[in-house]
Amino acid sequence: KKTAAKLSFVIIVVLVLLAVMNPGKEDFGEYAVNHLEETLG
C-alpha cells in the first residue's frame, strides 16, 4: 500500500507539472528562433 501510494503521488505530481508547464505559442516561437539561429549562426 505504501509503494502504491508513493507511485500514485509521483504520477499525480508529474501530471500536474505537465499541465502547469504546458508550452504556449511564445515558448514555441522562442524555440523555433533559437533553432534557426543555431542553423544560421
Full PDB file with SEQRES, HELIX, SHEET, SSBOND, CRYST1, ORIGX, SCALE, CONECT and MASTER records, all heavy atoms in Angstrom:
SEQRES   1 A   41  LYS LYS THR ALA ALA LYS LEU SER PHE VAL ILE ILE VAL          
SEQRES   2 A   41  VAL LEU VAL LEU LEU ALA VAL MET ASN PRO GLY LYS GLU          
SEQRES   3 A   41  ASP PHE GLY GLU TYR ALA VAL ASN HIS LEU GLU GLU THR          
SEQRES   4 A   41  LEU GLY                                                      
HELIX    1 AA1 LYS A    2  VAL A   20  1                                  19    
HELIX    2 AA2 LYS A   25  LEU A   40  1                                  16    
CRYST1    1.000    1.000    1.000  90.00  90.00  90.00 P 1           1          
ORIGX1      1.000000  0.000000  0.000000        0.00000                         
ORIGX2      0.000000  1.000000  0.000000        0.00000                         
ORIGX3      0.000000  0.000000  1.000000        0.00000                         
SCALE1      1.000000  0.000000  0.000000        0.00000                         
SCALE2      0.000000  1.000000  0.000000        0.00000                         
SCALE3      0.000000  0.000000  1.000000        0.00000                         
ATOM      1  N   LYS A   1       0.826  -1.201   0.000  1.00  0.00           N  
ATOM      2  CA  LYS A   1       0.000   0.000   0.000  1.00  0.00           C  
ATOM      3  C   LYS A   1       0.865   1.259   0.000  1.00  0.00           C  
ATOM      4  O   LYS A   1       0.559   2.226  -0.680  1.00  0.00           O  
ATOM      5  CB  LYS A   1      -0.949   0.006   1.209  1.00  0.00           C  
ATOM      6  CG  LYS A   1      -2.080  -0.967   1.087  1.00  0.00           C  
ATOM      7  CD  LYS A   1      -2.991  -0.890   2.283  1.00  0.00           C  
ATOM      8  CE  LYS A   1      -4.111  -1.926   2.167  1.00  0.00           C  
ATOM      9  NZ  LYS A   1      -4.974  -1.903   3.344  1.00  0.00           N  
ATOM     10  N   LYS A   2       1.964   1.235   0.770  1.00  0.00           N  
ATOM     11  CA  LYS A   2       2.864   2.385   0.806  1.00  0.00           C  
ATOM     12  C   LYS A   2       3.509   2.615  -0.561  1.00  0.00           C  
ATOM     13  O   LYS A   2       3.625   3.743  -1.013  1.00  0.00           O  
ATOM     14  CB  LYS A   2       3.935   2.202   1.872  1.00  0.00           C  
ATOM     15  CG  LYS A   2       3.435   2.363   3.283  1.00  0.00           C  
ATOM     16  CD  LYS A   2       4.561   2.195   4.271  1.00  0.00           C  
ATOM     17  CE  LYS A   2       4.046   2.312   5.691  1.00  0.00           C  
ATOM     18  NZ  LYS A   2       5.128   2.101   6.676  1.00  0.00           N  
ATOM     19  N   THR A   3       3.917   1.535  -1.199  1.00  0.00           N  
ATOM     20  CA  THR A   3       4.524   1.646  -2.523  1.00  0.00           C  
ATOM     21  C   THR A   3       3.522   2.176  -3.535  1.00  0.00           C  
ATOM     22  O   THR A   3       3.851   3.047  -4.347  1.00  0.00           O  
ATOM     23  CB  THR A   3       5.066   0.278  -2.983  1.00  0.00           C  
ATOM     24  OG1 THR A   3       5.963  -0.217  -1.992  1.00  0.00           O  
ATOM     25  CG2 THR A   3       5.783   0.391  -4.304  1.00  0.00           C  
ATOM     26  N   ALA A   4       2.306   1.687  -3.484  1.00  0.00           N  
ATOM     27  CA  ALA A   4       1.267   2.160  -4.405  1.00  0.00           C  
ATOM     28  C   ALA A   4       0.937   3.623  -4.141  1.00  0.00           C  
ATOM     29  O   ALA A   4       0.735   4.396  -5.089  1.00  0.00           O  
ATOM     30  CB  ALA A   4       0.014   1.297  -4.270  1.00  0.00           C  
ATOM     31  N   ALA A   5       0.924   4.016  -2.888  1.00  0.00           N  
ATOM     32  CA  ALA A   5       0.638   5.417  -2.551  1.00  0.00           C  
ATOM     33  C   ALA A   5       1.752   6.332  -3.048  1.00  0.00           C  
ATOM     34  O   ALA A   5       1.481   7.412  -3.586  1.00  0.00           O  
ATOM     35  CB  ALA A   5       0.451   5.573  -1.050  1.00  0.00           C  
ATOM     36  N   LYS A   6       2.991   5.917  -2.893  1.00  0.00           N  
ATOM     37  CA  LYS A   6       4.121   6.714  -3.373  1.00  0.00           C  
ATOM     38  C   LYS A   6       4.089   6.836  -4.894  1.00  0.00           C  
ATOM     39  O   LYS A   6       4.307   7.912  -5.443  1.00  0.00           O  
ATOM     40  CB  LYS A   6       5.446   6.094  -2.933  1.00  0.00           C  
ATOM     41  CG  LYS A   6       5.740   6.257  -1.467  1.00  0.00           C  
ATOM     42  CD  LYS A   6       7.055   5.579  -1.106  1.00  0.00           C  
ATOM     43  CE  LYS A   6       7.327   5.639   0.376  1.00  0.00           C  
ATOM     44  NZ  LYS A   6       8.570   4.942   0.735  1.00  0.00           N  
ATOM     45  N   LEU A   7       3.822   5.732  -5.563  1.00  0.00           N  
ATOM     46  CA  LEU A   7       3.747   5.751  -7.023  1.00  0.00           C  
ATOM     47  C   LEU A   7       2.612   6.649  -7.497  1.00  0.00           C  
ATOM     48  O   LEU A   7       2.785   7.439  -8.435  1.00  0.00           O  
ATOM     49  CB  LEU A   7       3.570   4.327  -7.559  1.00  0.00           C  
ATOM     50  CG  LEU A   7       3.508   4.188  -9.077  1.00  0.00           C  
ATOM     51  CD1 LEU A   7       4.813   4.648  -9.701  1.00  0.00           C  
ATOM     52  CD2 LEU A   7       3.205   2.754  -9.458  1.00  0.00           C  
ATOM     53  N   SER A   8       1.471   6.571  -6.864  1.00  0.00           N  
ATOM     54  CA  SER A   8       0.331   7.428  -7.217  1.00  0.00           C  
ATOM     55  C   SER A   8       0.677   8.900  -7.014  1.00  0.00           C  
ATOM     56  O   SER A   8       0.344   9.739  -7.845  1.00  0.00           O  
ATOM     57  CB  SER A   8      -0.891   7.080  -6.371  1.00  0.00           C  
ATOM     58  OG  SER A   8      -1.294   5.763  -6.607  1.00  0.00           O  
ATOM     59  N   PHE A   9       1.361   9.205  -5.916  1.00  0.00           N  
ATOM     60  CA  PHE A   9       1.757  10.577  -5.639  1.00  0.00           C  
ATOM     61  C   PHE A   9       2.696  11.103  -6.723  1.00  0.00           C  
ATOM     62  O   PHE A   9       2.542  12.226  -7.208  1.00  0.00           O  
ATOM     63  CB  PHE A   9       2.416  10.672  -4.259  1.00  0.00           C  
ATOM     64  CG  PHE A   9       2.894  12.048  -3.920  1.00  0.00           C  
ATOM     65  CD1 PHE A   9       1.986  13.038  -3.580  1.00  0.00           C  
ATOM     66  CD2 PHE A   9       4.244  12.354  -3.952  1.00  0.00           C  
ATOM     67  CE1 PHE A   9       2.422  14.316  -3.277  1.00  0.00           C  
ATOM     68  CE2 PHE A   9       4.682  13.627  -3.656  1.00  0.00           C  
ATOM     69  CZ  PHE A   9       3.783  14.613  -3.311  1.00  0.00           C  
ATOM     70  N   VAL A  10       3.676  10.300  -7.110  1.00  0.00           N  
ATOM     71  CA  VAL A  10       4.633  10.707  -8.147  1.00  0.00           C  
ATOM     72  C   VAL A  10       3.912  10.935  -9.475  1.00  0.00           C  
ATOM     73  O   VAL A  10       4.172  11.924 -10.177  1.00  0.00           O  
ATOM     74  CB  VAL A  10       5.760   9.659  -8.296  1.00  0.00           C  
ATOM     75  CG1 VAL A  10       6.590   9.905  -9.536  1.00  0.00           C  
ATOM     76  CG2 VAL A  10       6.633   9.647  -7.056  1.00  0.00           C  
ATOM     77  N   ILE A  11       2.995  10.058  -9.825  1.00  0.00           N  
ATOM     78  CA  ILE A  11       2.248  10.211 -11.079  1.00  0.00           C  
ATOM     79  C   ILE A  11       1.413  11.484 -11.058  1.00  0.00           C  
ATOM     80  O   ILE A  11       1.380  12.241 -12.039  1.00  0.00           O  
ATOM     81  CB  ILE A  11       1.372   8.973 -11.340  1.00  0.00           C  
ATOM     82  CG1 ILE A  11       2.258   7.776 -11.695  1.00  0.00           C  
ATOM     83  CG2 ILE A  11       0.357   9.229 -12.450  1.00  0.00           C  
ATOM     84  CD1 ILE A  11       1.537   6.460 -11.793  1.00  0.00           C  
ATOM     85  N   ILE A  12       0.766  11.764  -9.941  1.00  0.00           N  
ATOM     86  CA  ILE A  12      -0.049  12.976  -9.832  1.00  0.00           C  
ATOM     87  C   ILE A  12       0.822  14.227  -9.942  1.00  0.00           C  
ATOM     88  O   ILE A  12       0.461  15.187 -10.631  1.00  0.00           O  
ATOM     89  CB  ILE A  12      -0.857  12.965  -8.520  1.00  0.00           C  
ATOM     90  CG1 ILE A  12      -1.964  11.913  -8.614  1.00  0.00           C  
ATOM     91  CG2 ILE A  12      -1.445  14.333  -8.211  1.00  0.00           C  
ATOM     92  CD1 ILE A  12      -2.689  11.643  -7.329  1.00  0.00           C  
ATOM     93  N   VAL A  13       1.986  14.220  -9.297  1.00  0.00           N  
ATOM     94  CA  VAL A  13       2.889  15.372  -9.372  1.00  0.00           C  
ATOM     95  C   VAL A  13       3.355  15.601 -10.806  1.00  0.00           C  
ATOM     96  O   VAL A  13       3.368  16.738 -11.297  1.00  0.00           O  
ATOM     97  CB  VAL A  13       4.094  15.182  -8.414  1.00  0.00           C  
ATOM     98  CG1 VAL A  13       5.184  16.200  -8.694  1.00  0.00           C  
ATOM     99  CG2 VAL A  13       3.641  15.280  -6.975  1.00  0.00           C  
ATOM    100  N   VAL A  14       3.715  14.545 -11.516  1.00  0.00           N  
ATOM    101  CA  VAL A  14       4.160  14.681 -12.906  1.00  0.00           C  
ATOM    102  C   VAL A  14       3.028  15.209 -13.785  1.00  0.00           C  
ATOM    103  O   VAL A  14       3.240  16.096 -14.623  1.00  0.00           O  
ATOM    104  CB  VAL A  14       4.699  13.328 -13.440  1.00  0.00           C  
ATOM    105  CG1 VAL A  14       4.902  13.377 -14.943  1.00  0.00           C  
ATOM    106  CG2 VAL A  14       5.991  12.967 -12.740  1.00  0.00           C  
ATOM    107  N   LEU A  15       1.811  14.720 -13.599  1.00  0.00           N  
ATOM    108  CA  LEU A  15       0.678  15.200 -14.384  1.00  0.00           C  
ATOM    109  C   LEU A  15       0.379  16.673 -14.111  1.00  0.00           C  
ATOM    110  O   LEU A  15       0.091  17.439 -15.042  1.00  0.00           O  
ATOM    111  CB  LEU A  15      -0.561  14.342 -14.123  1.00  0.00           C  
ATOM    112  CG  LEU A  15      -0.501  12.913 -14.651  1.00  0.00           C  
ATOM    113  CD1 LEU A  15      -1.739  12.127 -14.213  1.00  0.00           C  
ATOM    114  CD2 LEU A  15      -0.358  12.886 -16.162  1.00  0.00           C  
ATOM    115  N   VAL A  16       0.469  17.077 -12.847  1.00  0.00           N  
ATOM    116  CA  VAL A  16       0.242  18.492 -12.513  1.00  0.00           C  
ATOM    117  C   VAL A  16       1.334  19.356 -13.135  1.00  0.00           C  
ATOM    118  O   VAL A  16       1.054  20.425 -13.692  1.00  0.00           O  
ATOM    119  CB  VAL A  16       0.169  18.683 -10.979  1.00  0.00           C  
ATOM    120  CG1 VAL A  16       0.241  20.154 -10.599  1.00  0.00           C  
ATOM    121  CG2 VAL A  16      -1.099  18.060 -10.428  1.00  0.00           C  
ATOM    122  N   LEU A  17       2.585  18.905 -13.071  1.00  0.00           N  
ATOM    123  CA  LEU A  17       3.672  19.657 -13.701  1.00  0.00           C  
ATOM    124  C   LEU A  17       3.477  19.773 -15.212  1.00  0.00           C  
ATOM    125  O   LEU A  17       3.737  20.831 -15.798  1.00  0.00           O  
ATOM    126  CB  LEU A  17       5.019  19.003 -13.398  1.00  0.00           C  
ATOM    127  CG  LEU A  17       5.603  19.278 -12.026  1.00  0.00           C  
ATOM    128  CD1 LEU A  17       6.865  18.453 -11.801  1.00  0.00           C  
ATOM    129  CD2 LEU A  17       5.902  20.745 -11.847  1.00  0.00           C  
ATOM    130  N   LEU A  18       3.038  18.701 -15.848  1.00  0.00           N  
ATOM    131  CA  LEU A  18       2.770  18.755 -17.285  1.00  0.00           C  
ATOM    132  C   LEU A  18       1.695  19.791 -17.598  1.00  0.00           C  
ATOM    133  O   LEU A  18       1.821  20.559 -18.559  1.00  0.00           O  
ATOM    134  CB  LEU A  18       2.336  17.381 -17.803  1.00  0.00           C  
ATOM    135  CG  LEU A  18       3.433  16.391 -18.116  1.00  0.00           C  
ATOM    136  CD1 LEU A  18       2.839  15.008 -18.367  1.00  0.00           C  
ATOM    137  CD2 LEU A  18       4.236  16.836 -19.315  1.00  0.00           C  
ATOM    138  N   ALA A  19       0.642  19.830 -16.800  1.00  0.00           N  
ATOM    139  CA  ALA A  19      -0.450  20.770 -17.046  1.00  0.00           C  
ATOM    140  C   ALA A  19      -0.011  22.212 -16.802  1.00  0.00           C  
ATOM    141  O   ALA A  19      -0.326  23.102 -17.589  1.00  0.00           O  
ATOM    142  CB  ALA A  19      -1.651  20.421 -16.168  1.00  0.00           C  
ATOM    143  N   VAL A  20       0.732  22.433 -15.731  1.00  0.00           N  
ATOM    144  CA  VAL A  20       1.161  23.794 -15.401  1.00  0.00           C  
ATOM    145  C   VAL A  20       2.201  24.311 -16.386  1.00  0.00           C  
ATOM    146  O   VAL A  20       2.202  25.481 -16.755  1.00  0.00           O  
ATOM    147  CB  VAL A  20       1.709  23.842 -13.951  1.00  0.00           C  
ATOM    148  CG1 VAL A  20       2.392  25.159 -13.654  1.00  0.00           C  
ATOM    149  CG2 VAL A  20       0.587  23.590 -12.970  1.00  0.00           C  
ATOM    150  N   MET A  21       3.077  23.438 -16.840  1.00  0.00           N  
ATOM    151  CA  MET A  21       4.164  23.847 -17.726  1.00  0.00           C  
ATOM    152  C   MET A  21       3.883  23.516 -19.190  1.00  0.00           C  
ATOM    153  O   MET A  21       4.810  23.340 -19.974  1.00  0.00           O  
ATOM    154  CB  MET A  21       5.464  23.212 -17.260  1.00  0.00           C  
ATOM    155  CG  MET A  21       5.865  23.664 -15.867  1.00  0.00           C  
ATOM    156  SD  MET A  21       7.444  23.035 -15.364  1.00  0.00           S  
ATOM    157  CE  MET A  21       8.523  24.005 -16.408  1.00  0.00           C  
ATOM    158  N   ASN A  22       2.621  23.488 -19.567  1.00  0.00           N  
ATOM    159  CA  ASN A  22       2.244  23.255 -20.956  1.00  0.00           C  
ATOM    160  C   ASN A  22       2.698  24.459 -21.785  1.00  0.00           C  
ATOM    161  O   ASN A  22       2.334  25.589 -21.490  1.00  0.00           O  
ATOM    162  CB  ASN A  22       0.731  23.064 -21.047  1.00  0.00           C  
ATOM    163  CG  ASN A  22       0.292  22.598 -22.411  1.00  0.00           C  
ATOM    164  OD1 ASN A  22       1.103  22.323 -23.274  1.00  0.00           O  
ATOM    165  ND2 ASN A  22      -1.009  22.518 -22.585  1.00  0.00           N  
ATOM    166  N   PRO A  23       3.510  24.252 -22.840  1.00  0.00           N  
ATOM    167  CA  PRO A  23       4.046  25.392 -23.587  1.00  0.00           C  
ATOM    168  C   PRO A  23       2.984  26.094 -24.431  1.00  0.00           C  
ATOM    169  O   PRO A  23       2.037  25.484 -24.913  1.00  0.00           O  
ATOM    170  CB  PRO A  23       5.119  24.759 -24.476  1.00  0.00           C  
ATOM    171  CG  PRO A  23       4.719  23.342 -24.606  1.00  0.00           C  
ATOM    172  CD  PRO A  23       4.009  22.979 -23.350  1.00  0.00           C  
ATOM    173  N   GLY A  24       3.179  27.393 -24.602  1.00  0.00           N  
ATOM    174  CA  GLY A  24       2.311  28.201 -25.452  1.00  0.00           C  
ATOM    175  C   GLY A  24       3.019  28.579 -26.741  1.00  0.00           C  
ATOM    176  O   GLY A  24       4.155  28.157 -26.994  1.00  0.00           O  
ATOM    177  N   LYS A  25       2.363  29.416 -27.538  1.00  0.00           N  
ATOM    178  CA  LYS A  25       2.956  29.844 -28.805  1.00  0.00           C  
ATOM    179  C   LYS A  25       4.254  30.614 -28.588  1.00  0.00           C  
ATOM    180  O   LYS A  25       5.183  30.513 -29.388  1.00  0.00           O  
ATOM    181  CB  LYS A  25       1.976  30.722 -29.582  1.00  0.00           C  
ATOM    182  CG  LYS A  25       0.970  29.974 -30.395  1.00  0.00           C  
ATOM    183  CD  LYS A  25       0.195  30.955 -31.257  1.00  0.00           C  
ATOM    184  CE  LYS A  25      -0.772  30.236 -32.156  1.00  0.00           C  
ATOM    185  NZ  LYS A  25      -1.473  31.168 -33.041  1.00  0.00           N  
ATOM    186  N   GLU A  26       4.306  31.401 -27.519  1.00  0.00           N  
ATOM    187  CA  GLU A  26       5.515  32.183 -27.238  1.00  0.00           C  
ATOM    188  C   GLU A  26       6.708  31.271 -26.981  1.00  0.00           C  
ATOM    189  O   GLU A  26       7.806  31.523 -27.472  1.00  0.00           O  
ATOM    190  CB  GLU A  26       5.303  33.099 -26.028  1.00  0.00           C  
ATOM    191  CG  GLU A  26       4.187  34.102 -26.190  1.00  0.00           C  
ATOM    192  CD  GLU A  26       2.814  33.519 -25.884  1.00  0.00           C  
ATOM    193  OE1 GLU A  26       2.723  32.482 -25.196  1.00  0.00           O  
ATOM    194  OE2 GLU A  26       1.826  34.085 -26.368  1.00  0.00           O  
ATOM    195  N   ASP A  27       6.479  30.208 -26.221  1.00  0.00           N  
ATOM    196  CA  ASP A  27       7.561  29.258 -25.922  1.00  0.00           C  
ATOM    197  C   ASP A  27       8.036  28.570 -27.199  1.00  0.00           C  
ATOM    198  O   ASP A  27       9.243  28.404 -27.416  1.00  0.00           O  
ATOM    199  CB  ASP A  27       7.082  28.208 -24.911  1.00  0.00           C  
ATOM    200  CG  ASP A  27       6.629  28.833 -23.610  1.00  0.00           C  
ATOM    201  OD1 ASP A  27       7.356  29.686 -23.077  1.00  0.00           O  
ATOM    202  OD2 ASP A  27       5.537  28.470 -23.139  1.00  0.00           O  
ATOM    203  N   PHE A  28       7.083  28.171 -28.037  1.00  0.00           N  
ATOM    204  CA  PHE A  28       7.468  27.516 -29.282  1.00  0.00           C  
ATOM    205  C   PHE A  28       8.175  28.501 -30.213  1.00  0.00           C  
ATOM    206  O   PHE A  28       9.140  28.136 -30.884  1.00  0.00           O  
ATOM    207  CB  PHE A  28       6.257  26.910 -29.991  1.00  0.00           C  
ATOM    208  CG  PHE A  28       6.627  26.224 -31.275  1.00  0.00           C  
ATOM    209  CD1 PHE A  28       7.291  25.020 -31.247  1.00  0.00           C  
ATOM    210  CD2 PHE A  28       6.349  26.810 -32.494  1.00  0.00           C  
ATOM    211  CE1 PHE A  28       7.664  24.386 -32.424  1.00  0.00           C  
ATOM    212  CE2 PHE A  28       6.711  26.192 -33.674  1.00  0.00           C  
ATOM    213  CZ  PHE A  28       7.372  24.977 -33.639  1.00  0.00           C  
ATOM    214  N   GLY A  29       7.700  29.747 -30.253  1.00  0.00           N  
ATOM    215  CA  GLY A  29       8.357  30.757 -31.089  1.00  0.00           C  
ATOM    216  C   GLY A  29       9.796  30.969 -30.670  1.00  0.00           C  
ATOM    217  O   GLY A  29      10.692  31.074 -31.514  1.00  0.00           O  
ATOM    218  N   GLU A  30      10.041  31.014 -29.365  1.00  0.00           N  
ATOM    219  CA  GLU A  30      11.399  31.165 -28.857  1.00  0.00           C  
ATOM    220  C   GLU A  30      12.260  29.973 -29.251  1.00  0.00           C  
ATOM    221  O   GLU A  30      13.410  30.129 -29.680  1.00  0.00           O  
ATOM    222  CB  GLU A  30      11.344  31.313 -27.340  1.00  0.00           C  
ATOM    223  CG  GLU A  30      12.656  31.648 -26.702  1.00  0.00           C  
ATOM    224  CD  GLU A  30      12.504  31.870 -25.216  1.00  0.00           C  
ATOM    225  OE1 GLU A  30      11.535  32.532 -24.797  1.00  0.00           O  
ATOM    226  OE2 GLU A  30      13.371  31.356 -24.471  1.00  0.00           O  
ATOM    227  N   TYR A  31      11.705  28.761 -29.113  1.00  0.00           N  
ATOM    228  CA  TYR A  31      12.441  27.557 -29.513  1.00  0.00           C  
ATOM    229  C   TYR A  31      12.763  27.586 -31.012  1.00  0.00           C  
ATOM    230  O   TYR A  31      13.892  27.308 -31.413  1.00  0.00           O  
ATOM    231  CB  TYR A  31      11.624  26.302 -29.180  1.00  0.00           C  
ATOM    232  CG  TYR A  31      12.091  25.073 -29.918  1.00  0.00           C  
ATOM    233  CD1 TYR A  31      13.210  24.374 -29.491  1.00  0.00           C  
ATOM    234  CD2 TYR A  31      11.430  24.625 -31.061  1.00  0.00           C  
ATOM    235  CE1 TYR A  31      13.654  23.261 -30.173  1.00  0.00           C  
ATOM    236  CE2 TYR A  31      11.867  23.511 -31.741  1.00  0.00           C  
ATOM    237  CZ  TYR A  31      12.981  22.827 -31.305  1.00  0.00           C  
ATOM    238  OH  TYR A  31      13.420  21.741 -31.992  1.00  0.00           O  
ATOM    239  N   ALA A  32      11.777  27.932 -31.825  1.00  0.00           N  
ATOM    240  CA  ALA A  32      11.977  27.925 -33.279  1.00  0.00           C  
ATOM    241  C   ALA A  32      13.031  28.944 -33.691  1.00  0.00           C  
ATOM    242  O   ALA A  32      13.874  28.664 -34.549  1.00  0.00           O  
ATOM    243  CB  ALA A  32      10.651  28.198 -33.991  1.00  0.00           C  
ATOM    244  N   VAL A  33      13.020  30.128 -33.088  1.00  0.00           N  
ATOM    245  CA  VAL A  33      14.007  31.154 -33.421  1.00  0.00           C  
ATOM    246  C   VAL A  33      15.396  30.731 -32.961  1.00  0.00           C  
ATOM    247  O   VAL A  33      16.376  30.907 -33.692  1.00  0.00           O  
ATOM    248  CB  VAL A  33      13.593  32.513 -32.810  1.00  0.00           C  
ATOM    249  CG1 VAL A  33      14.715  33.524 -32.904  1.00  0.00           C  
ATOM    250  CG2 VAL A  33      12.355  33.030 -33.514  1.00  0.00           C  
ATOM    251  N   ASN A  34      15.495  30.137 -31.763  1.00  0.00           N  
ATOM    252  CA  ASN A  34      16.800  29.653 -31.301  1.00  0.00           C  
ATOM    253  C   ASN A  34      17.337  28.569 -32.219  1.00  0.00           C  
ATOM    254  O   ASN A  34      18.528  28.528 -32.507  1.00  0.00           O  
ATOM    255  CB  ASN A  34      16.712  29.130 -29.866  1.00  0.00           C  
ATOM    256  CG  ASN A  34      16.531  30.242 -28.867  1.00  0.00           C  
ATOM    257  OD1 ASN A  34      16.832  31.391 -29.152  1.00  0.00           O  
ATOM    258  ND2 ASN A  34      16.046  29.896 -27.701  1.00  0.00           N  
ATOM    259  N   HIS A  35      16.451  27.692 -32.664  1.00  0.00           N  
ATOM    260  CA  HIS A  35      16.869  26.637 -33.593  1.00  0.00           C  
ATOM    261  C   HIS A  35      17.330  27.258 -34.917  1.00  0.00           C  
ATOM    262  O   HIS A  35      18.305  26.802 -35.513  1.00  0.00           O  
ATOM    263  CB  HIS A  35      15.715  25.667 -33.822  1.00  0.00           C  
ATOM    264  CG  HIS A  35      16.070  24.473 -34.629  1.00  0.00           C  
ATOM    265  ND1 HIS A  35      16.945  23.504 -34.182  1.00  0.00           N  
ATOM    266  CD2 HIS A  35      15.698  24.094 -35.873  1.00  0.00           C  
ATOM    267  CE1 HIS A  35      17.081  22.582 -35.111  1.00  0.00           C  
ATOM    268  NE2 HIS A  35      16.336  22.923 -36.149  1.00  0.00           N  
ATOM    269  N   LEU A  36      16.644  28.302 -35.371  1.00  0.00           N  
ATOM    270  CA  LEU A  36      17.026  28.999 -36.603  1.00  0.00           C  
ATOM    271  C   LEU A  36      18.369  29.687 -36.432  1.00  0.00           C  
ATOM    272  O   LEU A  36      19.204  29.645 -37.327  1.00  0.00           O  
ATOM    273  CB  LEU A  36      15.938  30.019 -36.972  1.00  0.00           C  
ATOM    274  CG  LEU A  36      16.156  30.836 -38.236  1.00  0.00           C  
ATOM    275  CD1 LEU A  36      16.143  29.925 -39.453  1.00  0.00           C  
ATOM    276  CD2 LEU A  36      15.085  31.901 -38.364  1.00  0.00           C  
ATOM    277  N   GLU A  37      18.601  30.296 -35.261  1.00  0.00           N  
ATOM    278  CA  GLU A  37      19.885  30.947 -35.004  1.00  0.00           C  
ATOM    279  C   GLU A  37      21.027  29.938 -35.008  1.00  0.00           C  
ATOM    280  O   GLU A  37      22.114  30.237 -35.486  1.00  0.00           O  
ATOM    281  CB  GLU A  37      19.849  31.695 -33.673  1.00  0.00           C  
ATOM    282  CG  GLU A  37      19.051  32.971 -33.725  1.00  0.00           C  
ATOM    283  CD  GLU A  37      18.980  33.672 -32.369  1.00  0.00           C  
ATOM    284  OE1 GLU A  37      19.562  33.149 -31.397  1.00  0.00           O  
ATOM    285  OE2 GLU A  37      18.346  34.721 -32.311  1.00  0.00           O  
ATOM    286  N   GLU A  38      20.787  28.733 -34.478  1.00  0.00           N  
ATOM    287  CA  GLU A  38      21.822  27.700 -34.495  1.00  0.00           C  
ATOM    288  C   GLU A  38      22.156  27.315 -35.928  1.00  0.00           C  
ATOM    289  O   GLU A  38      23.304  27.066 -36.270  1.00  0.00           O  
ATOM    290  CB  GLU A  38      21.361  26.465 -33.725  1.00  0.00           C  
ATOM    291  CG  GLU A  38      21.296  26.657 -32.233  1.00  0.00           C  
ATOM    292  CD  GLU A  38      20.677  25.460 -31.528  1.00  0.00           C  
ATOM    293  OE1 GLU A  38      20.466  24.422 -32.178  1.00  0.00           O  
ATOM    294  OE2 GLU A  38      20.394  25.577 -30.326  1.00  0.00           O  
ATOM    295  N   THR A  39      21.136  27.289 -36.781  1.00  0.00           N  
ATOM    296  CA  THR A  39      21.354  26.921 -38.172  1.00  0.00           C  
ATOM    297  C   THR A  39      22.114  28.019 -38.918  1.00  0.00           C  
ATOM    298  O   THR A  39      23.037  27.730 -39.682  1.00  0.00           O  
ATOM    299  CB  THR A  39      20.003  26.675 -38.879  1.00  0.00           C  
ATOM    300  OG1 THR A  39      19.296  25.687 -38.147  1.00  0.00           O  
ATOM    301  CG2 THR A  39      20.202  26.208 -40.298  1.00  0.00           C  
ATOM    302  N   LEU A  40      21.735  29.282 -38.691  1.00  0.00           N  
ATOM    303  CA  LEU A  40      22.349  30.396 -39.409  1.00  0.00           C  
ATOM    304  C   LEU A  40      23.636  30.881 -38.767  1.00  0.00           C  
ATOM    305  O   LEU A  40      24.437  31.549 -39.403  1.00  0.00           O  
ATOM    306  CB  LEU A  40      21.366  31.575 -39.492  1.00  0.00           C  
ATOM    307  CG  LEU A  40      20.074  31.319 -40.254  1.00  0.00           C  
ATOM    308  CD1 LEU A  40      19.187  32.556 -40.177  1.00  0.00           C  
ATOM    309  CD2 LEU A  40      20.366  30.971 -41.701  1.00  0.00           C  
ATOM    310  N   GLY A  41      23.840  30.607 -37.498  1.00  0.00           N  
ATOM    311  CA  GLY A  41      24.982  31.126 -36.759  1.00  0.00           C  
ATOM    312  C   GLY A  41      24.560  32.344 -35.959  1.00  0.00           C  
ATOM    313  O   GLY A  41      23.620  33.048 -36.315  1.00  0.00           O  
TER     314      GLY A  41                                                      
MASTER        0    0    0    2    0    0    0    6  313    1    0    4          
END                                                                             
